[in-house]
Amino acid sequence: MIIMLISDGRSIHTQRWAEYFAGIGHNVHLITYDPMNRNIPGVTEHILRSSWNNLYLAYIPRQIQVNFLIRKIRPDIVHSHFVAKYGFHLIGHRFHPTVVSAWGDDVLILPQKSWLIHHYTQKVFDSVNLIYAVSQDIRNHIIQDFGIPGSKVRYFPFGIDTAFFSPQNKVSQETQTTIKIFTNRGFLPVYDNETLVRGFANAYAADHRLHLTLKGDGPEEQKIRDLVISLSLDDVVSFRKKTAFGLVPQDYHQADIYITTSRSDGTPVSLLEAMASALPCIATAVGGIPEWIENNKTGILIPPNSPEKVAEAILLLARNLDLRQSLGTAARATILERGQWKVLMAQAEKDYEELIRTYKKEKP
């Protein structure tokens, strides 16, 4: 197959998708606004340059470039990842088959903020032949909020490489002097690090073994740093920048508890990575998270915007090693059962082949 992807080249999800299909012998072309800054054998990168900094003003010249590349390359299938921005290039296109993947904010948040984004999102869903949704919750929103037939919207979660993200035997934790809590969601408002830090402060007041690491980037980083200082937590809260993807498993191996306090979510890949690493997880019961975390069985679910519940969950796990181990074991079993990367990607290849066969039959 000749596969054309239209997606953010900087995203590890884009890179993994392109690398998978190129690795099994397909010819992959990636159209992106920003370069991958790496070479993937079998993947040809096309960067859509624009002299306009404004996303809306740059859309038309970029669309002209996309149309040109489709005519030139003549792909068998075109797949955009993330509806807003990249998916917009599929609107009203004469080329078929086309696929779009909805990741989360592009359905749950952005269309509600702008009538124009909502309008274009609707047009994308109406135009494409297949829609992937990374959670059942997002799939339901696409069907209900945009009136799309259920047959056109397929649940397709982010998969995890369960060999790459796997448990590591740790030194006996019976007499731990430090309990390490970890999150790598970054510092966007939706991830609500203020609630996390305030909840951690309450837990730390009751158990001085606790240490929190916040990893990532985002516009609220300084605000959270200031909050940490104001709560006199700077000795027990660490900040870390993003690292290369190959180093991410080490983060989970070094942690004792993973936590996410997001207000809205699709299916957070970092949560699934932590689960695959057999790390006990605390997560807010929003979006697609309850599809993976069953409370007190595969993790701990808490309501959003509740520092008190954050503290309770942290203390529960910090004080109960057996519970941490049982939740971690059950979490990994869940990923092995229905979240394995290679199994899911093999299904994506079958979906592509079926769409291509269908289109060729219908083509006059």
Protein backbone atom coordinates (compact mmCIF):
# COMPACT_ATOMS: atom_id res chain seq x y z
CA MET A 1 0.00 0.00 0.00
CA ILE A 2 0.92 3.62 -0.49
CA ILE A 3 -0.23 5.28 2.73
CA MET A 4 -0.45 9.03 3.17
CA LEU A 5 -0.58 10.32 6.74
CA ILE A 6 -1.49 13.94 7.53
CA SER A 7 -0.44 14.55 11.10
CA ASP A 8 1.92 16.33 13.48
CA GLY A 9 5.39 14.96 12.78
CA ARG A 10 6.55 15.96 16.26
CA SER A 11 4.06 13.61 17.91
CA ILE A 12 5.37 10.23 19.04
CA HIS A 13 1.96 8.79 18.11
CA THR A 14 2.43 9.95 14.52
CA GLN A 15 5.96 8.61 14.40
CA ARG A 16 4.99 5.22 15.81
CA TRP A 17 2.12 4.89 13.31
CA ALA A 18 4.35 5.78 10.36
CA GLU A 19 7.17 3.55 11.58
CA TYR A 20 4.87 0.56 12.01
CA PHE A 21 3.51 0.62 8.48
CA ALA A 22 6.89 1.38 6.92
CA GLY A 23 8.39 -1.44 8.97
CA ILE A 24 6.02 -4.03 7.50
CA GLY A 25 6.79 -3.00 3.95
CA HIS A 26 4.30 -0.27 3.05
CA ASN A 27 5.24 2.98 1.33
CA VAL A 28 4.45 5.76 3.82
CA HIS A 29 4.25 9.50 3.10
CA LEU A 30 3.85 11.89 6.02
CA ILE A 31 2.46 15.38 5.49
CA THR A 32 3.14 17.62 8.46
CA TYR A 33 3.48 21.27 9.43
CA ASP A 34 6.47 20.60 11.65
CA PRO A 35 9.26 18.10 10.91
CA MET A 36 9.84 14.87 12.83
CA ASN A 37 13.52 15.75 13.26
CA ARG A 38 14.37 12.09 12.81
CA ASN A 39 14.71 9.66 9.93
CA ILE A 40 12.38 6.67 9.70
CA PRO A 41 13.32 4.22 6.91
CA GLY A 42 10.48 3.87 4.44
CA VAL A 43 8.82 7.16 5.44
CA THR A 44 8.94 10.17 3.13
CA GLU A 45 8.26 13.44 4.93
CA HIS A 46 6.56 16.43 3.28
CA ILE A 47 6.60 19.64 5.32
CA LEU A 48 3.86 22.17 4.58
CA ARG A 49 5.67 25.49 4.72
CA SER A 50 3.71 28.70 5.21
CA SER A 51 4.64 32.35 5.58
CA TRP A 52 1.48 32.84 7.66
CA ASN A 53 1.72 32.34 11.41
CA ASN A 54 -2.06 32.34 11.71
CA LEU A 55 -3.49 28.81 11.42
CA TYR A 56 -6.59 29.96 9.52
CA LEU A 57 -4.71 32.12 7.03
CA ALA A 58 -2.24 29.31 6.38
CA TYR A 59 -4.97 26.75 5.75
CA ILE A 60 -5.70 27.51 2.09
CA PRO A 61 -2.07 27.51 0.86
CA ARG A 62 -1.45 24.34 2.83
CA GLN A 63 -4.58 22.75 1.38
CA ILE A 64 -3.31 23.53 -2.11
CA GLN A 65 -0.07 21.73 -1.23
CA VAL A 66 -1.98 18.73 0.14
CA ASN A 67 -4.07 18.48 -3.04
CA PHE A 68 -0.93 18.64 -5.16
CA LEU A 69 0.78 15.89 -3.16
CA ILE A 70 -2.25 13.61 -3.38
CA ARG A 71 -2.34 14.02 -7.17
CA LYS A 72 1.41 13.47 -7.42
CA ILE A 73 1.80 10.51 -5.04
CA ARG A 74 -1.54 8.84 -5.78
CA PRO A 75 -1.83 7.08 -2.43
CA ASP A 76 -4.10 4.13 -1.82
CA ILE A 77 -5.43 5.68 1.39
CA VAL A 78 -5.15 8.99 3.28
CA HIS A 79 -5.33 9.10 7.08
CA SER A 80 -5.31 12.25 9.21
CA HIS A 81 -4.58 12.10 12.92
CA PHE A 82 -6.28 14.69 15.16
CA VAL A 83 -9.44 16.18 13.68
CA ALA A 84 -8.73 19.86 14.28
CA LYS A 85 -6.03 21.28 12.01
CA TYR A 86 -4.76 18.13 10.24
CA GLY A 87 -8.15 16.51 9.75
CA PHE A 88 -9.47 19.71 8.19
CA HIS A 89 -7.46 18.86 5.06
CA LEU A 90 -9.89 16.00 4.36
CA ILE A 91 -12.98 18.19 4.05
CA GLY A 92 -14.96 17.67 0.84
CA HIS A 93 -12.09 15.84 -0.81
CA ARG A 94 -12.63 13.96 -4.03
CA PHE A 95 -10.04 11.39 -3.01
CA HIS A 96 -11.25 8.24 -1.25
CA PRO A 97 -10.82 6.32 0.99
CA THR A 98 -10.00 8.68 3.84
CA VAL A 99 -9.71 8.09 7.58
CA VAL A 100 -9.50 10.48 10.52
CA SER A 101 -8.45 9.67 14.10
CA ALA A 102 -10.01 11.62 16.99
CA TRP A 103 -7.62 11.83 19.94
CA GLY A 104 -9.53 13.76 22.59
CA ASP A 105 -9.44 17.56 22.71
CA ASP A 106 -10.36 17.68 19.02
CA VAL A 107 -13.82 16.35 19.96
CA LEU A 108 -14.25 17.03 23.69
CA ILE A 109 -12.93 20.61 23.99
CA LEU A 110 -12.03 22.51 20.82
CA PRO A 111 -15.41 22.31 18.99
CA GLN A 112 -17.11 23.75 22.08
CA LYS A 113 -14.77 26.74 22.12
CA SER A 114 -15.38 27.91 18.56
CA TRP A 115 -18.35 27.65 16.21
CA LEU A 116 -15.90 27.65 13.30
CA ILE A 117 -13.96 24.67 14.66
CA HIS A 118 -17.25 22.90 15.35
CA HIS A 119 -18.37 23.60 11.78
CA TYR A 120 -15.16 22.26 10.26
CA THR A 121 -15.14 19.25 12.60
CA GLN A 122 -18.66 18.39 11.41
CA LYS A 123 -17.52 18.68 7.79
CA VAL A 124 -14.56 16.37 8.42
CA PHE A 125 -16.80 13.70 9.94
CA ASP A 126 -19.25 14.02 7.07
CA SER A 127 -16.48 13.78 4.45
CA VAL A 128 -14.34 10.83 5.56
CA ASN A 129 -15.01 7.14 5.04
CA LEU A 130 -13.95 5.97 8.52
CA ILE A 131 -13.45 7.63 11.92
CA TYR A 132 -11.24 6.16 14.63
CA ALA A 133 -11.96 7.22 18.22
CA VAL A 134 -9.39 6.47 20.92
CA SER A 135 -12.09 5.92 23.56
CA GLN A 136 -15.68 4.73 23.65
CA ASP A 137 -16.54 8.05 25.28
CA ILE A 138 -15.20 9.99 22.29
CA ARG A 139 -16.98 7.61 19.92
CA ASN A 140 -20.25 8.31 21.72
CA HIS A 141 -19.69 12.07 21.49
CA ILE A 142 -19.02 11.85 17.75
CA ILE A 143 -22.22 9.89 17.20
CA GLN A 144 -24.43 11.96 19.52
CA ASP A 145 -23.00 15.48 19.14
CA PHE A 146 -22.34 15.37 15.41
CA GLY A 147 -25.04 12.95 14.24
CA ILE A 148 -22.60 10.50 12.65
CA PRO A 149 -23.80 6.90 12.03
CA GLY A 150 -22.29 4.45 14.48
CA SER A 151 -21.18 2.19 11.63
CA LYS A 152 -18.79 4.91 10.50
CA VAL A 153 -17.12 5.43 13.91
CA ARG A 154 -14.80 2.72 15.20
CA TYR A 155 -13.28 2.48 18.68
CA PHE A 156 -9.51 2.29 18.25
CA PRO A 157 -7.46 2.97 21.40
CA PHE A 158 -3.81 3.93 21.51
CA GLY A 159 -1.89 0.69 21.77
CA ILE A 160 1.07 0.00 24.02
CA ASP A 161 4.22 -1.96 23.23
CA THR A 162 4.03 -4.31 26.21
CA ALA A 163 7.61 -5.51 25.73
CA PHE A 164 8.96 -1.96 25.79
CA PHE A 165 6.68 -0.92 28.67
CA SER A 166 7.00 -3.79 31.10
CA PRO A 167 7.46 -4.30 34.86
CA GLN A 168 10.85 -4.23 36.48
CA ASN A 169 11.68 -6.05 39.68
CA LYS A 170 12.32 -3.52 42.43
CA VAL A 171 14.31 -3.71 45.59
CA SER A 172 12.16 -4.79 48.55
CA GLN A 173 9.65 -2.03 49.28
CA GLU A 174 8.75 -3.21 52.77
CA THR A 175 10.92 -0.60 54.51
CA GLN A 176 10.81 2.19 51.93
CA THR A 177 11.96 5.58 53.15
CA THR A 178 10.54 7.31 50.05
CA ILE A 179 7.31 6.69 48.12
CA LYS A 180 7.70 8.18 44.64
CA ILE A 181 4.61 9.57 42.92
CA PHE A 182 4.93 10.42 39.24
CA THR A 183 3.01 12.19 36.48
CA ASN A 184 4.10 13.19 32.99
CA ARG A 185 0.99 14.91 31.65
CA GLY A 186 2.67 18.31 31.35
CA PHE A 187 1.39 21.70 32.41
CA LEU A 188 -1.73 22.41 30.37
CA PRO A 189 -4.80 23.71 32.26
CA VAL A 190 -6.82 20.58 31.42
CA TYR A 191 -4.41 18.43 33.44
CA ASP A 192 -5.13 20.44 36.61
CA ASN A 193 -1.78 20.20 38.33
CA GLU A 194 -2.99 22.66 40.95
CA THR A 195 -5.40 20.06 42.31
CA LEU A 196 -2.62 17.46 42.19
CA VAL A 197 -0.14 19.62 44.10
CA ARG A 198 -2.67 20.71 46.72
CA GLY A 199 -3.75 17.11 47.21
CA PHE A 200 -0.15 16.00 47.48
CA ALA A 201 0.46 18.70 50.10
CA ASN A 202 -2.37 17.28 52.22
CA ALA A 203 -0.98 13.75 51.86
CA TYR A 204 2.58 14.82 52.62
CA ALA A 205 1.44 16.44 55.86
CA ALA A 206 0.33 12.96 56.97
CA ASP A 207 3.21 10.93 55.47
CA HIS A 208 6.66 12.47 55.06
CA ARG A 209 7.91 9.58 52.93
CA LEU A 210 6.14 11.02 49.88
CA HIS A 211 7.88 12.64 46.92
CA LEU A 212 6.19 13.98 43.77
CA THR A 213 7.75 14.33 40.30
CA LEU A 214 6.03 16.46 37.66
CA LYS A 215 7.38 15.89 34.14
CA GLY A 216 6.66 17.79 30.94
CA ASP A 217 6.19 21.27 29.52
CA GLY A 218 3.32 23.71 29.22
CA PRO A 219 2.07 27.24 29.87
CA GLU A 220 1.23 26.65 33.55
CA GLU A 221 4.63 25.35 34.62
CA GLN A 222 5.69 28.56 36.35
CA LYS A 223 2.32 28.86 38.07
CA ILE A 224 2.73 25.35 39.50
CA ARG A 225 6.34 26.04 40.50
CA ASP A 226 5.17 29.11 42.40
CA LEU A 227 2.43 27.07 44.08
CA VAL A 228 4.95 24.44 45.18
CA ILE A 229 7.14 27.12 46.76
CA SER A 230 4.17 28.80 48.46
CA LEU A 231 3.23 25.46 50.06
CA SER A 232 6.85 24.87 51.18
CA LEU A 233 7.06 21.69 49.10
CA ASP A 234 10.11 22.56 47.01
CA ASP A 235 12.21 19.90 48.80
CA VAL A 236 9.76 17.10 48.00
CA VAL A 237 8.42 18.10 44.57
CA SER A 238 10.66 17.78 41.51
CA PHE A 239 10.18 19.17 38.02
CA ARG A 240 11.53 17.37 34.95
CA LYS A 241 11.52 18.28 31.29
CA LYS A 242 10.44 15.94 28.51
CA THR A 243 12.96 13.28 27.52
CA ALA A 244 13.41 11.07 24.48
CA PHE A 245 10.74 8.40 24.06
CA GLY A 246 13.31 5.65 24.57
CA LEU A 247 13.91 6.85 28.12
CA VAL A 248 10.26 6.96 29.18
CA PRO A 249 10.07 3.38 30.59
CA GLN A 250 12.68 4.37 33.18
CA ASP A 251 10.25 6.93 34.60
CA TYR A 252 7.74 4.22 35.43
CA HIS A 253 10.40 1.86 36.78
CA GLN A 254 11.58 4.54 39.20
CA ALA A 255 8.08 5.41 40.41
CA ASP A 256 5.86 3.71 42.98
CA ILE A 257 2.56 5.37 42.02
CA TYR A 258 1.35 7.04 38.82
CA ILE A 259 -1.25 9.81 38.98
CA THR A 260 -3.27 11.96 36.58
CA THR A 261 -5.78 14.60 37.71
CA SER A 262 -7.10 15.76 34.34
CA ARG A 263 -10.49 17.47 34.05
CA SER A 264 -11.15 16.01 30.58
CA ASP A 265 -9.52 13.15 28.73
CA GLY A 266 -9.67 10.73 25.86
CA THR A 267 -7.45 7.75 26.58
CA PRO A 268 -4.20 9.04 28.09
CA VAL A 269 -1.34 7.05 26.60
CA SER A 270 0.84 7.74 29.62
CA LEU A 271 -1.76 6.08 31.84
CA LEU A 272 -1.75 2.97 29.63
CA GLU A 273 2.06 2.96 29.61
CA ALA A 274 2.08 3.09 33.42
CA MET A 275 -0.47 0.27 33.57
CA ALA A 276 1.61 -1.84 31.18
CA SER A 277 4.57 -1.22 33.50
CA ALA A 278 2.51 -2.70 36.38
CA LEU A 279 2.46 0.63 38.18
CA PRO A 280 -0.54 1.29 40.47
CA CYS A 281 -2.44 4.27 39.07
CA ILE A 282 -4.63 7.03 40.47
CA ALA A 283 -6.76 8.77 37.83
CA THR A 284 -9.77 11.03 37.57
CA ALA A 285 -12.97 9.34 36.41
CA VAL A 286 -13.33 11.42 33.24
CA GLY A 287 -13.60 10.67 29.52
CA GLY A 288 -12.23 7.28 28.53
CA ILE A 289 -10.27 6.64 31.73
CA PRO A 290 -12.98 4.46 33.39
CA GLU A 291 -12.81 2.23 30.30
CA TRP A 292 -9.39 1.11 31.56
CA ILE A 293 -9.42 1.72 35.32
CA GLU A 294 -11.89 -0.28 37.39
CA ASN A 295 -11.90 1.29 40.83
CA ASN A 296 -9.98 -0.73 43.45
CA LYS A 297 -9.31 -3.49 40.91
CA THR A 298 -7.04 -2.08 38.20
CA GLY A 299 -6.41 1.32 39.81
CA ILE A 300 -7.97 4.05 41.91
CA LEU A 301 -10.57 6.39 40.42
CA ILE A 302 -11.16 9.82 41.95
CA PRO A 303 -13.43 12.74 41.01
CA PRO A 304 -11.85 15.75 39.27
CA ASN A 305 -11.13 19.01 41.11
CA SER A 306 -10.78 17.34 44.52
CA PRO A 307 -7.48 17.76 46.41
CA GLU A 308 -9.04 15.86 49.32
CA LYS A 309 -9.64 12.75 47.19
CA VAL A 310 -6.15 13.06 45.70
CA ALA A 311 -4.70 12.97 49.21
CA GLU A 312 -6.88 10.03 50.28
CA ALA A 313 -5.86 7.96 47.25
CA ILE A 314 -2.16 8.74 47.66
CA LEU A 315 -2.19 7.79 51.33
CA LEU A 316 -4.18 4.62 50.65
CA LEU A 317 -1.58 3.36 48.20
CA ALA A 318 1.45 4.71 50.08
CA ARG A 319 0.45 2.76 53.19
CA ASN A 320 -0.50 -0.51 51.48
CA LEU A 321 2.23 -2.29 49.53
CA ASP A 322 0.05 -5.32 48.84
CA LEU A 323 -2.62 -3.10 47.28
CA ARG A 324 -0.04 -1.34 45.12
CA GLN A 325 1.25 -4.67 43.85
CA SER A 326 -2.19 -6.18 43.20
CA LEU A 327 -3.43 -3.10 41.34
CA GLY A 328 -0.26 -2.99 39.25
CA THR A 329 -0.53 -6.66 38.32
CA ALA A 330 -4.19 -6.28 37.34
CA ALA A 331 -3.43 -3.12 35.37
CA ARG A 332 -0.82 -4.85 33.23
CA ALA A 333 -3.18 -7.78 32.64
CA THR A 334 -5.76 -5.32 31.29
CA ILE A 335 -3.29 -3.88 28.77
CA LEU A 336 -2.16 -7.34 27.70
CA GLU A 337 -5.79 -8.33 27.13
CA ARG A 338 -6.98 -5.40 25.01
CA GLY A 339 -4.33 -2.74 24.58
CA GLN A 340 -1.42 -4.37 22.76
CA TRP A 341 0.08 -2.20 20.05
CA LYS A 342 0.84 -4.89 17.48
CA VAL A 343 -2.60 -6.46 17.75
CA LEU A 344 -4.33 -3.13 17.26
CA MET A 345 -2.08 -2.08 14.37
CA ALA A 346 -2.67 -5.39 12.58
CA GLN A 347 -6.38 -4.53 12.75
CA ALA A 348 -5.67 -1.07 11.32
CA GLU A 349 -3.92 -2.67 8.36
CA LYS A 350 -6.98 -4.88 7.76
CA ASP A 351 -9.23 -1.82 7.96
CA TYR A 352 -7.09 -0.03 5.36
CA GLU A 353 -7.21 -3.02 3.02
CA GLU A 354 -10.99 -3.34 3.37
CA LEU A 355 -11.52 0.36 2.66
CA ILE A 356 -9.28 0.22 -0.40
CA ARG A 357 -11.10 -2.83 -1.77
CA THR A 358 -14.48 -1.17 -1.18
CA TYR A 359 -13.41 2.03 -2.91
CA LYS A 360 -12.01 0.19 -5.92
CA LYS A 361 -15.29 -1.67 -6.34
CA GLU A 362 -17.27 1.56 -6.24
CA LYS A 363 -14.93 3.51 -8.53
CA PRO A 364 -16.45 3.82 -12.00
